[in-house]
Amino acid sequence: MKYGEFLHIAGSWAAIVTALVAVMAYGLYRWEKRKKRRRLEQHLKIEKELEEDRGQRTVLHLMSHLRLTEADVLDAAFRSNKVRSRIDADAQGLAQRLLFEYNDGKERSPRKGRSWF
């Protein structure tokens, strides 16, 4: 076998292995995102069932209980169809806090579809 043929075969195998590693990495990335979203949904569902309030929780509360970063909590909440976002207004009517709550499907969400942005 000549050196050039060996390099051609090695290059082909490297391309195949690279593609497999990329597909596996993307699958792992999507799995982690799904796992974080499901953890958020489960936590909010349990909080809504156990507490006497409406089960609305702030981002800071969710970060501390789920051990996620703020970006992870926001990403999971806005990707979920089961989590609703609410704004808590102060006395002047300005937004003060962002709250999330579990939507069990009994209440209709005011938004018809997902945002394009």
PDB file of N, CA and C in Angstrom:
ATOM      1  N   MET A   1       0.840  -1.165   0.000  1.00  0.00           N
ATOM      2  CA  MET A   1       0.000   0.000   0.000  1.00  0.00           C
ATOM      3  C   MET A   1       0.893   1.239   0.000  1.00  0.00           C
ATOM      4  N   LYS A   2       0.559   2.144  -0.876  1.00  0.00           N
ATOM      5  CA  LYS A   2       1.344   3.364  -0.973  1.00  0.00           C
ATOM      6  C   LYS A   2       0.911   4.351   0.105  1.00  0.00           C
ATOM      7  N   TYR A   3       1.780   5.277   0.372  1.00  0.00           N
ATOM      8  CA  TYR A   3       1.544   6.286   1.401  1.00  0.00           C
ATOM      9  C   TYR A   3       0.320   7.139   1.063  1.00  0.00           C
ATOM     10  N   GLY A   4       0.138   7.487  -0.191  1.00  0.00           N
ATOM     11  CA  GLY A   4      -1.002   8.304  -0.620  1.00  0.00           C
ATOM     12  C   GLY A   4      -2.327   7.591  -0.408  1.00  0.00           C
ATOM     13  N   GLU A   5      -2.357   6.282  -0.678  1.00  0.00           N
ATOM     14  CA  GLU A   5      -3.586   5.510  -0.469  1.00  0.00           C
ATOM     15  C   GLU A   5      -3.928   5.432   1.021  1.00  0.00           C
ATOM     16  N   PHE A   6      -2.897   5.262   1.842  1.00  0.00           N
ATOM     17  CA  PHE A   6      -3.114   5.209   3.284  1.00  0.00           C
ATOM     18  C   PHE A   6      -3.698   6.532   3.797  1.00  0.00           C
ATOM     19  N   LEU A   7      -3.160   7.640   3.316  1.00  0.00           N
ATOM     20  CA  LEU A   7      -3.687   8.940   3.734  1.00  0.00           C
ATOM     21  C   LEU A   7      -5.131   9.132   3.278  1.00  0.00           C
ATOM     22  N   HIS A   8      -5.464   8.641   2.106  1.00  0.00           N
ATOM     23  CA  HIS A   8      -6.834   8.749   1.605  1.00  0.00           C
ATOM     24  C   HIS A   8      -7.797   7.944   2.487  1.00  0.00           C
ATOM     25  N   ILE A   9      -7.425   6.748   2.857  1.00  0.00           N
ATOM     26  CA  ILE A   9      -8.263   5.902   3.717  1.00  0.00           C
ATOM     27  C   ILE A   9      -8.388   6.516   5.113  1.00  0.00           C
ATOM     28  N   ALA A  10      -7.267   6.976   5.651  1.00  0.00           N
ATOM     29  CA  ALA A  10      -7.294   7.601   6.983  1.00  0.00           C
ATOM     30  C   ALA A  10      -8.157   8.860   6.975  1.00  0.00           C
ATOM     31  N   GLY A  11      -8.099   9.632   5.904  1.00  0.00           N
ATOM     32  CA  GLY A  11      -8.928  10.830   5.799  1.00  0.00           C
ATOM     33  C   GLY A  11     -10.412  10.498   5.723  1.00  0.00           C
ATOM     34  N   SER A  12     -10.734   9.423   5.020  1.00  0.00           N
ATOM     35  CA  SER A  12     -12.137   8.995   4.939  1.00  0.00           C
ATOM     36  C   SER A  12     -12.658   8.559   6.299  1.00  0.00           C
ATOM     37  N   TRP A  13     -11.850   7.784   7.014  1.00  0.00           N
ATOM     38  CA  TRP A  13     -12.262   7.363   8.354  1.00  0.00           C
ATOM     39  C   TRP A  13     -12.377   8.558   9.307  1.00  0.00           C
ATOM     40  N   ALA A  14     -11.501   9.509   9.189  1.00  0.00           N
ATOM     41  CA  ALA A  14     -11.557  10.695  10.048  1.00  0.00           C
ATOM     42  C   ALA A  14     -12.845  11.486   9.792  1.00  0.00           C
ATOM     43  N   ALA A  15     -13.243  11.586   8.526  1.00  0.00           N
ATOM     44  CA  ALA A  15     -14.485  12.294   8.198  1.00  0.00           C
ATOM     45  C   ALA A  15     -15.693  11.571   8.787  1.00  0.00           C
ATOM     46  N   ILE A  16     -15.710  10.261   8.720  1.00  0.00           N
ATOM     47  CA  ILE A  16     -16.821   9.479   9.265  1.00  0.00           C
ATOM     48  C   ILE A  16     -16.884   9.623  10.786  1.00  0.00           C
ATOM     49  N   VAL A  17     -15.748   9.500  11.435  1.00  0.00           N
ATOM     50  CA  VAL A  17     -15.703   9.608  12.896  1.00  0.00           C
ATOM     51  C   VAL A  17     -16.102  11.013  13.339  1.00  0.00           C
ATOM     52  N   THR A  18     -15.653  12.024  12.618  1.00  0.00           N
ATOM     53  CA  THR A  18     -16.022  13.405  12.948  1.00  0.00           C
ATOM     54  C   THR A  18     -17.523  13.604  12.856  1.00  0.00           C
ATOM     55  N   ALA A  19     -18.137  13.075  11.818  1.00  0.00           N
ATOM     56  CA  ALA A  19     -19.586  13.200  11.663  1.00  0.00           C
ATOM     57  C   ALA A  19     -20.321  12.491  12.797  1.00  0.00           C
ATOM     58  N   LEU A  20     -19.868  11.300  13.170  1.00  0.00           N
ATOM     59  CA  LEU A  20     -20.505  10.562  14.258  1.00  0.00           C
ATOM     60  C   LEU A  20     -20.376  11.304  15.588  1.00  0.00           C
ATOM     61  N   VAL A  21     -19.209  11.848  15.856  1.00  0.00           N
ATOM     62  CA  VAL A  21     -19.003  12.605  17.091  1.00  0.00           C
ATOM     63  C   VAL A  21     -19.884  13.852  17.106  1.00  0.00           C
ATOM     64  N   ALA A  22     -20.017  14.520  15.967  1.00  0.00           N
ATOM     65  CA  ALA A  22     -20.859  15.715  15.898  1.00  0.00           C
ATOM     66  C   ALA A  22     -22.321  15.369  16.144  1.00  0.00           C
ATOM     67  N   VAL A  23     -22.814  14.287  15.579  1.00  0.00           N
ATOM     68  CA  VAL A  23     -24.203  13.874  15.788  1.00  0.00           C
ATOM     69  C   VAL A  23     -24.428  13.494  17.248  1.00  0.00           C
ATOM     70  N   MET A  24     -23.477  12.791  17.833  1.00  0.00           N
ATOM     71  CA  MET A  24     -23.608  12.416  19.242  1.00  0.00           C
ATOM     72  C   MET A  24     -23.580  13.645  20.150  1.00  0.00           C
ATOM     73  N   ALA A  25     -22.723  14.600  19.852  1.00  0.00           N
ATOM     74  CA  ALA A  25     -22.645  15.823  20.660  1.00  0.00           C
ATOM     75  C   ALA A  25     -23.939  16.625  20.555  1.00  0.00           C
ATOM     76  N   TYR A  26     -24.501  16.721  19.367  1.00  0.00           N
ATOM     77  CA  TYR A  26     -25.762  17.436  19.195  1.00  0.00           C
ATOM     78  C   TYR A  26     -26.894  16.723  19.935  1.00  0.00           C
ATOM     79  N   GLY A  27     -26.926  15.403  19.870  1.00  0.00           N
ATOM     80  CA  GLY A  27     -27.940  14.644  20.594  1.00  0.00           C
ATOM     81  C   GLY A  27     -27.829  14.844  22.097  1.00  0.00           C
ATOM     82  N   LEU A  28     -26.618  14.855  22.616  1.00  0.00           N
ATOM     83  CA  LEU A  28     -26.400  15.096  24.035  1.00  0.00           C
ATOM     84  C   LEU A  28     -26.827  16.510  24.423  1.00  0.00           C
ATOM     85  N   TYR A  29     -26.532  17.474  23.587  1.00  0.00           N
ATOM     86  CA  TYR A  29     -26.933  18.858  23.825  1.00  0.00           C
ATOM     87  C   TYR A  29     -28.454  18.971  23.913  1.00  0.00           C
ATOM     88  N   ARG A  30     -29.158  18.360  22.956  1.00  0.00           N
ATOM     89  CA  ARG A  30     -30.627  18.408  22.951  1.00  0.00           C
ATOM     90  C   ARG A  30     -31.198  17.658  24.151  1.00  0.00           C
ATOM     91  N   TRP A  31     -30.588  16.541  24.538  1.00  0.00           N
ATOM     92  CA  TRP A  31     -31.042  15.768  25.686  1.00  0.00           C
ATOM     93  C   TRP A  31     -30.920  16.584  26.969  1.00  0.00           C
ATOM     94  N   GLU A  32     -29.815  17.288  27.133  1.00  0.00           N
ATOM     95  CA  GLU A  32     -29.623  18.132  28.314  1.00  0.00           C
ATOM     96  C   GLU A  32     -30.661  19.242  28.370  1.00  0.00           C
ATOM     97  N   LYS A  33     -30.949  19.874  27.241  1.00  0.00           N
ATOM     98  CA  LYS A  33     -31.974  20.924  27.202  1.00  0.00           C
ATOM     99  C   LYS A  33     -33.339  20.361  27.578  1.00  0.00           C
ATOM    100  N   ARG A  34     -33.656  19.184  27.066  1.00  0.00           N
ATOM    101  CA  ARG A  34     -34.932  18.550  27.376  1.00  0.00           C
ATOM    102  C   ARG A  34     -35.015  18.205  28.860  1.00  0.00           C
ATOM    103  N   LYS A  35     -33.910  17.699  29.413  1.00  0.00           N
ATOM    104  CA  LYS A  35     -33.878  17.328  30.822  1.00  0.00           C
ATOM    105  C   LYS A  35     -34.100  18.547  31.718  1.00  0.00           C
ATOM    106  N   LYS A  36     -33.491  19.662  31.371  1.00  0.00           N
ATOM    107  CA  LYS A  36     -33.669  20.888  32.155  1.00  0.00           C
ATOM    108  C   LYS A  36     -35.107  21.392  32.058  1.00  0.00           C
ATOM    109  N   ARG A  37     -35.684  21.319  30.877  1.00  0.00           N
ATOM    110  CA  ARG A  37     -37.074  21.757  30.696  1.00  0.00           C
ATOM    111  C   ARG A  37     -38.026  20.881  31.497  1.00  0.00           C
ATOM    112  N   ARG A  38     -37.808  19.574  31.473  1.00  0.00           N
ATOM    113  CA  ARG A  38     -38.674  18.660  32.223  1.00  0.00           C
ATOM    114  C   ARG A  38     -38.527  18.864  33.730  1.00  0.00           C
ATOM    115  N   ARG A  39     -37.297  19.123  34.195  1.00  0.00           N
ATOM    116  CA  ARG A  39     -37.099  19.397  35.624  1.00  0.00           C
ATOM    117  C   ARG A  39     -37.852  20.643  36.044  1.00  0.00           C
ATOM    118  N   LEU A  40     -37.800  21.677  35.219  1.00  0.00           N
ATOM    119  CA  LEU A  40     -38.521  22.918  35.519  1.00  0.00           C
ATOM    120  C   LEU A  40     -40.025  22.671  35.554  1.00  0.00           C
ATOM    121  N   GLU A  41     -40.545  21.961  34.563  1.00  0.00           N
ATOM    122  CA  GLU A  41     -41.981  21.683  34.521  1.00  0.00           C
ATOM    123  C   GLU A  41     -42.431  20.871  35.735  1.00  0.00           C
ATOM    124  N   GLN A  42     -41.657  19.850  36.095  1.00  0.00           N
ATOM    125  CA  GLN A  42     -42.007  19.022  37.247  1.00  0.00           C
ATOM    126  C   GLN A  42     -41.980  19.828  38.542  1.00  0.00           C
ATOM    127  N   HIS A  43     -40.960  20.663  38.701  1.00  0.00           N
ATOM    128  CA  HIS A  43     -40.851  21.482  39.917  1.00  0.00           C
ATOM    129  C   HIS A  43     -42.034  22.430  40.031  1.00  0.00           C
ATOM    130  N   LEU A  44     -42.377  23.106  38.954  1.00  0.00           N
ATOM    131  CA  LEU A  44     -43.496  24.038  38.999  1.00  0.00           C
ATOM    132  C   LEU A  44     -44.824  23.312  39.205  1.00  0.00           C
ATOM    133  N   LYS A  45     -44.960  22.133  38.649  1.00  0.00           N
ATOM    134  CA  LYS A  45     -46.182  21.351  38.837  1.00  0.00           C
ATOM    135  C   LYS A  45     -46.340  20.960  40.304  1.00  0.00           C
ATOM    136  N   ILE A  46     -45.266  20.484  40.923  1.00  0.00           N
ATOM    137  CA  ILE A  46     -45.314  20.094  42.332  1.00  0.00           C
ATOM    138  C   ILE A  46     -45.576  21.310  43.208  1.00  0.00           C
ATOM    139  N   GLU A  47     -44.932  22.430  42.915  1.00  0.00           N
ATOM    140  CA  GLU A  47     -45.140  23.649  43.691  1.00  0.00           C
ATOM    141  C   GLU A  47     -46.596  24.119  43.602  1.00  0.00           C
ATOM    142  N   LYS A  48     -47.193  23.995  42.437  1.00  0.00           N
ATOM    143  CA  LYS A  48     -48.580  24.431  42.264  1.00  0.00           C
ATOM    144  C   LYS A  48     -49.536  23.509  43.014  1.00  0.00           C
ATOM    145  N   GLU A  49     -49.235  22.216  43.046  1.00  0.00           N
ATOM    146  CA  GLU A  49     -50.109  21.268  43.728  1.00  0.00           C
ATOM    147  C   GLU A  49     -49.986  21.361  45.245  1.00  0.00           C
ATOM    148  N   LEU A  50     -48.797  21.617  45.757  1.00  0.00           N
ATOM    149  CA  LEU A  50     -48.580  21.596  47.195  1.00  0.00           C
ATOM    150  C   LEU A  50     -48.909  22.910  47.887  1.00  0.00           C
ATOM    151  N   GLU A  51     -48.619  23.991  47.255  1.00  0.00           N
ATOM    152  CA  GLU A  51     -48.778  25.291  47.897  1.00  0.00           C
ATOM    153  C   GLU A  51     -50.203  25.805  47.766  1.00  0.00           C
ATOM    154  N   GLU A  52     -50.567  26.695  48.670  1.00  0.00           N
ATOM    155  CA  GLU A  52     -51.892  27.300  48.616  1.00  0.00           C
ATOM    156  C   GLU A  52     -51.933  28.492  47.664  1.00  0.00           C
ATOM    157  N   ASP A  53     -50.786  28.996  47.300  1.00  0.00           N
ATOM    158  CA  ASP A  53     -50.768  30.087  46.331  1.00  0.00           C
ATOM    159  C   ASP A  53     -50.929  29.520  44.922  1.00  0.00           C
ATOM    160  N   ARG A  54     -50.744  30.340  43.923  1.00  0.00           N
ATOM    161  CA  ARG A  54     -50.953  29.900  42.543  1.00  0.00           C
ATOM    162  C   ARG A  54     -49.743  29.175  41.953  1.00  0.00           C
ATOM    163  N   GLY A  55     -48.717  28.972  42.746  1.00  0.00           N
ATOM    164  CA  GLY A  55     -47.545  28.252  42.276  1.00  0.00           C
ATOM    165  C   GLY A  55     -46.628  29.080  41.408  1.00  0.00           C
ATOM    166  N   GLN A  56     -46.731  30.384  41.500  1.00  0.00           N
ATOM    167  CA  GLN A  56     -45.865  31.253  40.704  1.00  0.00           C
ATOM    168  C   GLN A  56     -44.526  31.410  41.410  1.00  0.00           C
ATOM    169  N   ARG A  57     -43.444  31.232  40.648  1.00  0.00           N
ATOM    170  CA  ARG A  57     -42.111  31.310  41.220  1.00  0.00           C
ATOM    171  C   ARG A  57     -41.227  32.231  40.394  1.00  0.00           C
ATOM    172  N   THR A  58     -40.318  32.908  41.076  1.00  0.00           N
ATOM    173  CA  THR A  58     -39.400  33.812  40.397  1.00  0.00           C
ATOM    174  C   THR A  58     -38.227  33.033  39.813  1.00  0.00           C
ATOM    175  N   VAL A  59     -37.490  33.710  38.963  1.00  0.00           N
ATOM    176  CA  VAL A  59     -36.303  33.097  38.358  1.00  0.00           C
ATOM    177  C   VAL A  59     -35.286  32.756  39.445  1.00  0.00           C
ATOM    178  N   LEU A  60     -35.122  33.630  40.416  1.00  0.00           N
ATOM    179  CA  LEU A  60     -34.154  33.386  41.492  1.00  0.00           C
ATOM    180  C   LEU A  60     -34.541  32.154  42.303  1.00  0.00           C
ATOM    181  N   HIS A  61     -35.814  31.992  42.600  1.00  0.00           N
ATOM    182  CA  HIS A  61     -36.286  30.806  43.317  1.00  0.00           C
ATOM    183  C   HIS A  61     -35.980  29.541  42.522  1.00  0.00           C
ATOM    184  N   LEU A  62     -36.279  29.579  41.236  1.00  0.00           N
ATOM    185  CA  LEU A  62     -36.051  28.411  40.385  1.00  0.00           C
ATOM    186  C   LEU A  62     -34.570  28.104  40.245  1.00  0.00           C
ATOM    187  N   MET A  63     -33.743  29.146  40.166  1.00  0.00           N
ATOM    188  CA  MET A  63     -32.298  28.931  40.077  1.00  0.00           C
ATOM    189  C   MET A  63     -31.781  28.213  41.319  1.00  0.00           C
ATOM    190  N   SER A  64     -32.259  28.611  42.486  1.00  0.00           N
ATOM    191  CA  SER A  64     -31.744  28.018  43.719  1.00  0.00           C
ATOM    192  C   SER A  64     -32.259  26.595  43.926  1.00  0.00           C
ATOM    193  N   HIS A  65     -33.494  26.324  43.570  1.00  0.00           N
ATOM    194  CA  HIS A  65     -34.045  24.993  43.790  1.00  0.00           C
ATOM    195  C   HIS A  65     -33.626  23.980  42.731  1.00  0.00           C
ATOM    196  N   LEU A  66     -33.462  24.419  41.505  1.00  0.00           N
ATOM    197  CA  LEU A  66     -33.119  23.497  40.424  1.00  0.00           C
ATOM    198  C   LEU A  66     -31.625  23.444  40.131  1.00  0.00           C
ATOM    199  N   ARG A  67     -30.859  24.347  40.746  1.00  0.00           N
ATOM    200  CA  ARG A  67     -29.415  24.423  40.505  1.00  0.00           C
ATOM    201  C   ARG A  67     -29.101  24.638  39.034  1.00  0.00           C
ATOM    202  N   LEU A  68     -29.811  25.592  38.443  1.00  0.00           N
ATOM    203  CA  LEU A  68     -29.592  25.965  37.049  1.00  0.00           C
ATOM    204  C   LEU A  68     -29.173  27.419  36.990  1.00  0.00           C
ATOM    205  N   THR A  69     -28.548  27.790  35.903  1.00  0.00           N
ATOM    206  CA  THR A  69     -28.208  29.198  35.710  1.00  0.00           C
ATOM    207  C   THR A  69     -29.448  29.962  35.272  1.00  0.00           C
ATOM    208  N   GLU A  70     -29.374  31.268  35.338  1.00  0.00           N
ATOM    209  CA  GLU A  70     -30.501  32.107  34.922  1.00  0.00           C
ATOM    210  C   GLU A  70     -30.833  31.874  33.449  1.00  0.00           C
ATOM    211  N   ALA A  71     -29.811  31.757  32.637  1.00  0.00           N
ATOM    212  CA  ALA A  71     -30.035  31.525  31.209  1.00  0.00           C
ATOM    213  C   ALA A  71     -30.726  30.191  30.969  1.00  0.00           C
ATOM    214  N   ASP A  72     -30.343  29.157  31.731  1.00  0.00           N
ATOM    215  CA  ASP A  72     -30.974  27.842  31.585  1.00  0.00           C
ATOM    216  C   ASP A  72     -32.438  27.879  32.000  1.00  0.00           C
ATOM    217  N   VAL A  73     -32.734  28.570  33.094  1.00  0.00           N
ATOM    218  CA  VAL A  73     -34.124  28.669  33.559  1.00  0.00           C
ATOM    219  C   VAL A  73     -34.967  29.404  32.529  1.00  0.00           C
ATOM    220  N   LEU A  74     -34.479  30.526  32.038  1.00  0.00           N
ATOM    221  CA  LEU A  74     -35.237  31.294  31.053  1.00  0.00           C
ATOM    222  C   LEU A  74     -35.413  30.516  29.756  1.00  0.00           C
ATOM    223  N   ASP A  75     -34.368  29.843  29.306  1.00  0.00           N
ATOM    224  CA  ASP A  75     -34.454  29.060  28.082  1.00  0.00           C
ATOM    225  C   ASP A  75     -35.476  27.932  28.226  1.00  0.00           C
ATOM    226  N   ALA A  76     -35.412  27.211  29.340  1.00  0.00           N
ATOM    227  CA  ALA A  76     -36.348  26.103  29.565  1.00  0.00           C
ATOM    228  C   ALA A  76     -37.781  26.605  29.696  1.00  0.00           C
ATOM    229  N   ALA A  77     -37.960  27.714  30.379  1.00  0.00           N
ATOM    230  CA  ALA A  77     -39.315  28.234  30.581  1.00  0.00           C
ATOM    231  C   ALA A  77     -39.939  28.719  29.281  1.00  0.00           C
ATOM    232  N   PHE A  78     -39.172  29.407  28.475  1.00  0.00           N
ATOM    233  CA  PHE A  78     -39.738  29.949  27.242  1.00  0.00           C
ATOM    234  C   PHE A  78     -39.867  28.894  26.145  1.00  0.00           C
ATOM    235  N   ARG A  79     -39.178  27.788  26.254  1.00  0.00           N
ATOM    236  CA  ARG A  79     -39.330  26.696  25.291  1.00  0.00           C
ATOM    237  C   ARG A  79     -40.481  25.762  25.645  1.00  0.00           C
ATOM    238  N   SER A  80     -40.934  25.816  26.883  1.00  0.00           N
ATOM    239  CA  SER A  80     -41.956  24.892  27.346  1.00  0.00           C
ATOM    240  C   SER A  80     -43.354  25.383  26.974  1.00  0.00           C
ATOM    241  N   ASN A  81     -44.202  24.439  26.604  1.00  0.00           N
ATOM    242  CA  ASN A  81     -45.607  24.758  26.362  1.00  0.00           C
ATOM    243  C   ASN A  81     -46.427  24.659  27.639  1.00  0.00           C
ATOM    244  N   LYS A  82     -45.841  24.140  28.702  1.00  0.00           N
ATOM    245  CA  LYS A  82     -46.551  23.939  29.956  1.00  0.00           C
ATOM    246  C   LYS A  82     -46.230  24.992  31.005  1.00  0.00           C
ATOM    247  N   VAL A  83     -45.350  25.902  30.704  1.00  0.00           N
ATOM    248  CA  VAL A  83     -44.959  26.943  31.656  1.00  0.00           C
ATOM    249  C   VAL A  83     -45.409  28.290  31.117  1.00  0.00           C
ATOM    250  N   ARG A  84     -46.115  29.032  31.962  1.00  0.00           N
ATOM    251  CA  ARG A  84     -46.580  30.368  31.588  1.00  0.00           C
ATOM    252  C   ARG A  84     -45.731  31.413  32.301  1.00  0.00           C
ATOM    253  N   SER A  85     -45.496  32.498  31.648  1.00  0.00           N
ATOM    254  CA  SER A  85     -44.768  33.591  32.269  1.00  0.00           C
ATOM    255  C   SER A  85     -45.754  34.687  32.646  1.00  0.00           C
ATOM    256  N   ARG A  86     -45.506  35.295  33.780  1.00  0.00           N
ATOM    257  CA  ARG A  86     -46.342  36.375  34.300  1.00  0.00           C
ATOM    258  C   ARG A  86     -45.433  37.533  34.717  1.00  0.00           C
ATOM    259  N   ILE A  87     -46.011  38.692  34.739  1.00  0.00           N
ATOM    260  CA  ILE A  87     -45.307  39.878  35.219  1.00  0.00           C
ATOM    261  C   ILE A  87     -45.970  40.323  36.512  1.00  0.00           C
ATOM    262  N   ASP A  88     -45.171  40.560  37.539  1.00  0.00           N
ATOM    263  CA  ASP A  88     -45.662  41.106  38.802  1.00  0.00           C
ATOM    264  C   ASP A  88     -45.406  42.613  38.757  1.00  0.00           C
ATOM    265  N   ALA A  89     -46.474  43.389  38.857  1.00  0.00           N
ATOM    266  CA  ALA A  89     -46.360  44.841  38.751  1.00  0.00           C
ATOM    267  C   ALA A  89     -46.293  45.475  40.132  1.00  0.00           C
ATOM    268  N   ASP A  90     -45.599  46.607  40.206  1.00  0.00           N
ATOM    269  CA  ASP A  90     -45.536  47.350  41.460  1.00  0.00           C
ATOM    270  C   ASP A  90     -46.731  48.309  41.545  1.00  0.00           C
ATOM    271  N   ALA A  91     -46.722  49.207  42.515  1.00  0.00           N
ATOM    272  CA  ALA A  91     -47.848  50.121  42.744  1.00  0.00           C
ATOM    273  C   ALA A  91     -48.069  51.071  41.565  1.00  0.00           C
ATOM    274  N   GLN A  92     -47.027  51.373  40.820  1.00  0.00           N
ATOM    275  CA  GLN A  92     -47.145  52.282  39.682  1.00  0.00           C
ATOM    276  C   GLN A  92     -47.542  51.557  38.402  1.00  0.00           C
ATOM    277  N   GLY A  93     -47.634  50.245  38.447  1.00  0.00           N
ATOM    278  CA  GLY A  93     -48.000  49.467  37.275  1.00  0.00           C
ATOM    279  C   GLY A  93     -46.822  49.064  36.408  1.00  0.00           C
ATOM    280  N   LEU A  94     -45.612  49.278  36.909  1.00  0.00           N
ATOM    281  CA  LEU A  94     -44.414  48.890  36.165  1.00  0.00           C
ATOM    282  C   LEU A  94     -44.025  47.464  36.508  1.00  0.00           C
ATOM    283  N   ALA A  95     -43.424  46.788  35.558  1.00  0.00           N
ATOM    284  CA  ALA A  95     -43.001  45.407  35.780  1.00  0.00           C
ATOM    285  C   ALA A  95     -41.927  45.367  36.862  1.00  0.00           C
ATOM    286  N   GLN A  96     -42.131  44.495  37.813  1.00  0.00           N
ATOM    287  CA  GLN A  96     -41.205  44.379  38.936  1.00  0.00           C
ATOM    288  C   GLN A  96     -40.459  43.052  38.916  1.00  0.00           C
ATOM    289  N   ARG A  97     -41.189  41.957  38.676  1.00  0.00           N
ATOM    290  CA  ARG A  97     -40.591  40.622  38.681  1.00  0.00           C
ATOM    291  C   ARG A  97     -41.187  39.793  37.553  1.00  0.00           C
ATOM    292  N   LEU A  98     -40.413  38.830  37.112  1.00  0.00           N
ATOM    293  CA  LEU A  98     -40.882  37.855  36.141  1.00  0.00           C
ATOM    294  C   LEU A  98     -41.185  36.576  36.899  1.00  0.00           C
ATOM    295  N   LEU A  99     -42.414  36.092  36.771  1.00  0.00           N
ATOM    296  CA  LEU A  99     -42.854  34.890  37.468  1.00  0.00           C
ATOM    297  C   LEU A  99     -43.187  33.803  36.458  1.00  0.00           C
ATOM    298  N   PHE A 100     -42.963  32.570  36.862  1.00  0.00           N
ATOM    299  CA  PHE A 100     -43.322  31.427  36.029  1.00  0.00           C
ATOM    300  C   PHE A 100     -44.261  30.530  36.815  1.00  0.00           C
ATOM    301  N   GLU A 101     -45.241  29.960  36.115  1.00  0.00           N
ATOM    302  CA  GLU A 101     -46.143  29.014  36.755  1.00  0.00           C
ATOM    303  C   GLU A 101     -46.472  27.890  35.794  1.00  0.00           C
ATOM    304  N   TYR A 102     -46.858  26.757  36.370  1.00  0.00           N
ATOM    305  CA  TYR A 102     -47.207  25.589  35.578  1.00  0.00           C
ATOM    306  C   TYR A 102     -48.619  25.774  35.022  1.00  0.00           C
ATOM    307  N   ASN A 103     -48.792  25.491  33.751  1.00  0.00           N
ATOM    308  CA  ASN A 103     -50.096  25.559  33.107  1.00  0.00           C
ATOM    309  C   ASN A 103     -50.527  24.123  32.844  1.00  0.00           C
ATOM    310  N   ASP A 104     -51.516  23.650  33.600  1.00  0.00           N
ATOM    311  CA  ASP A 104     -51.928  22.256  33.497  1.00  0.00           C
ATOM    312  C   ASP A 104     -52.852  21.985  32.321  1.00  0.00           C
ATOM    313  N   GLY A 105     -53.110  22.973  31.511  1.00  0.00           N
ATOM    314  CA  GLY A 105     -53.945  22.786  30.332  1.00  0.00           C
ATOM    315  C   GLY A 105     -55.397  23.153  30.561  1.00  0.00           C
ATOM    316  N   LYS A 106     -55.802  23.317  31.812  1.00  0.00           N
ATOM    317  CA  LYS A 106     -57.183  23.699  32.099  1.00  0.00           C
ATOM    318  C   LYS A 106     -57.430  25.158  31.744  1.00  0.00           C
ATOM    319  N   GLU A 107     -56.416  25.961  31.959  1.00  0.00           N
ATOM    320  CA  GLU A 107     -56.514  27.376  31.606  1.00  0.00           C
ATOM    321  C   GLU A 107     -55.910  27.569  30.227  1.00  0.00           C
ATOM    322  N   ARG A 108     -56.570  28.346  29.413  1.00  0.00           N
ATOM    323  CA  ARG A 108     -56.054  28.621  28.078  1.00  0.00           C
ATOM    324  C   ARG A 108     -55.000  29.709  28.164  1.00  0.00           C
ATOM    325  N   SER A 109     -53.940  29.515  27.449  1.00  0.00           N
ATOM    326  CA  SER A 109     -52.879  30.513  27.398  1.00  0.00           C
ATOM    327  C   SER A 109     -53.319  31.655  26.485  1.00  0.00           C
ATOM    328  N   PRO A 110     -53.011  32.898  26.836  1.00  0.00           N
ATOM    329  CA  PRO A 110     -53.414  34.021  25.997  1.00  0.00           C
ATOM    330  C   PRO A 110     -52.697  34.042  24.649  1.00  0.00           C
ATOM    331  N   ARG A 111     -51.569  33.385  24.548  1.00  0.00           N
ATOM    332  CA  ARG A 111     -50.842  33.396  23.283  1.00  0.00           C
ATOM    333  C   ARG A 111     -51.266  32.184  22.451  1.00  0.00           C
ATOM    334  N   LYS A 112     -51.550  32.403  21.212  1.00  0.00           N
ATOM    335  CA  LYS A 112     -52.015  31.345  20.329  1.00  0.00           C
ATOM    336  C   LYS A 112     -50.867  30.445  19.871  1.00  0.00           C
ATOM    337  N   GLY A 113     -49.768  31.052  19.509  1.00  0.00           N
ATOM    338  CA  GLY A 113     -48.645  30.285  18.975  1.00  0.00           C
ATOM    339  C   GLY A 113     -47.355  30.743  19.597  1.00  0.00           C
ATOM    340  N   ARG A 114     -46.293  30.209  19.100  1.00  0.00           N
ATOM    341  CA  ARG A 114     -44.978  30.588  19.610  1.00  0.00           C
ATOM    342  C   ARG A 114     -44.500  31.835  18.903  1.00  0.00           C
ATOM    343  N   SER A 115     -43.716  32.600  19.590  1.00  0.00           N
ATOM    344  CA  SER A 115     -43.173  33.826  19.047  1.00  0.00           C
ATOM    345  C   SER A 115     -42.130  33.520  17.983  1.00  0.00           C
ATOM    346  N   TRP A 116     -42.028  34.400  17.030  1.00  0.00           N
ATOM    347  CA  TRP A 116     -41.019  34.252  15.985  1.00  0.00           C
ATOM    348  C   TRP A 116     -39.675  34.792  16.437  1.00  0.00           C
ATOM    349  N   PHE A 117     -39.642  35.515  17.513  1.00  0.00           N
ATOM    350  CA  PHE A 117     -38.415  36.178  17.936  1.00  0.00           C
ATOM    351  C   PHE A 117     -37.849  35.517  19.148  1.00  0.00           C
TER     352      PHE A 117
END
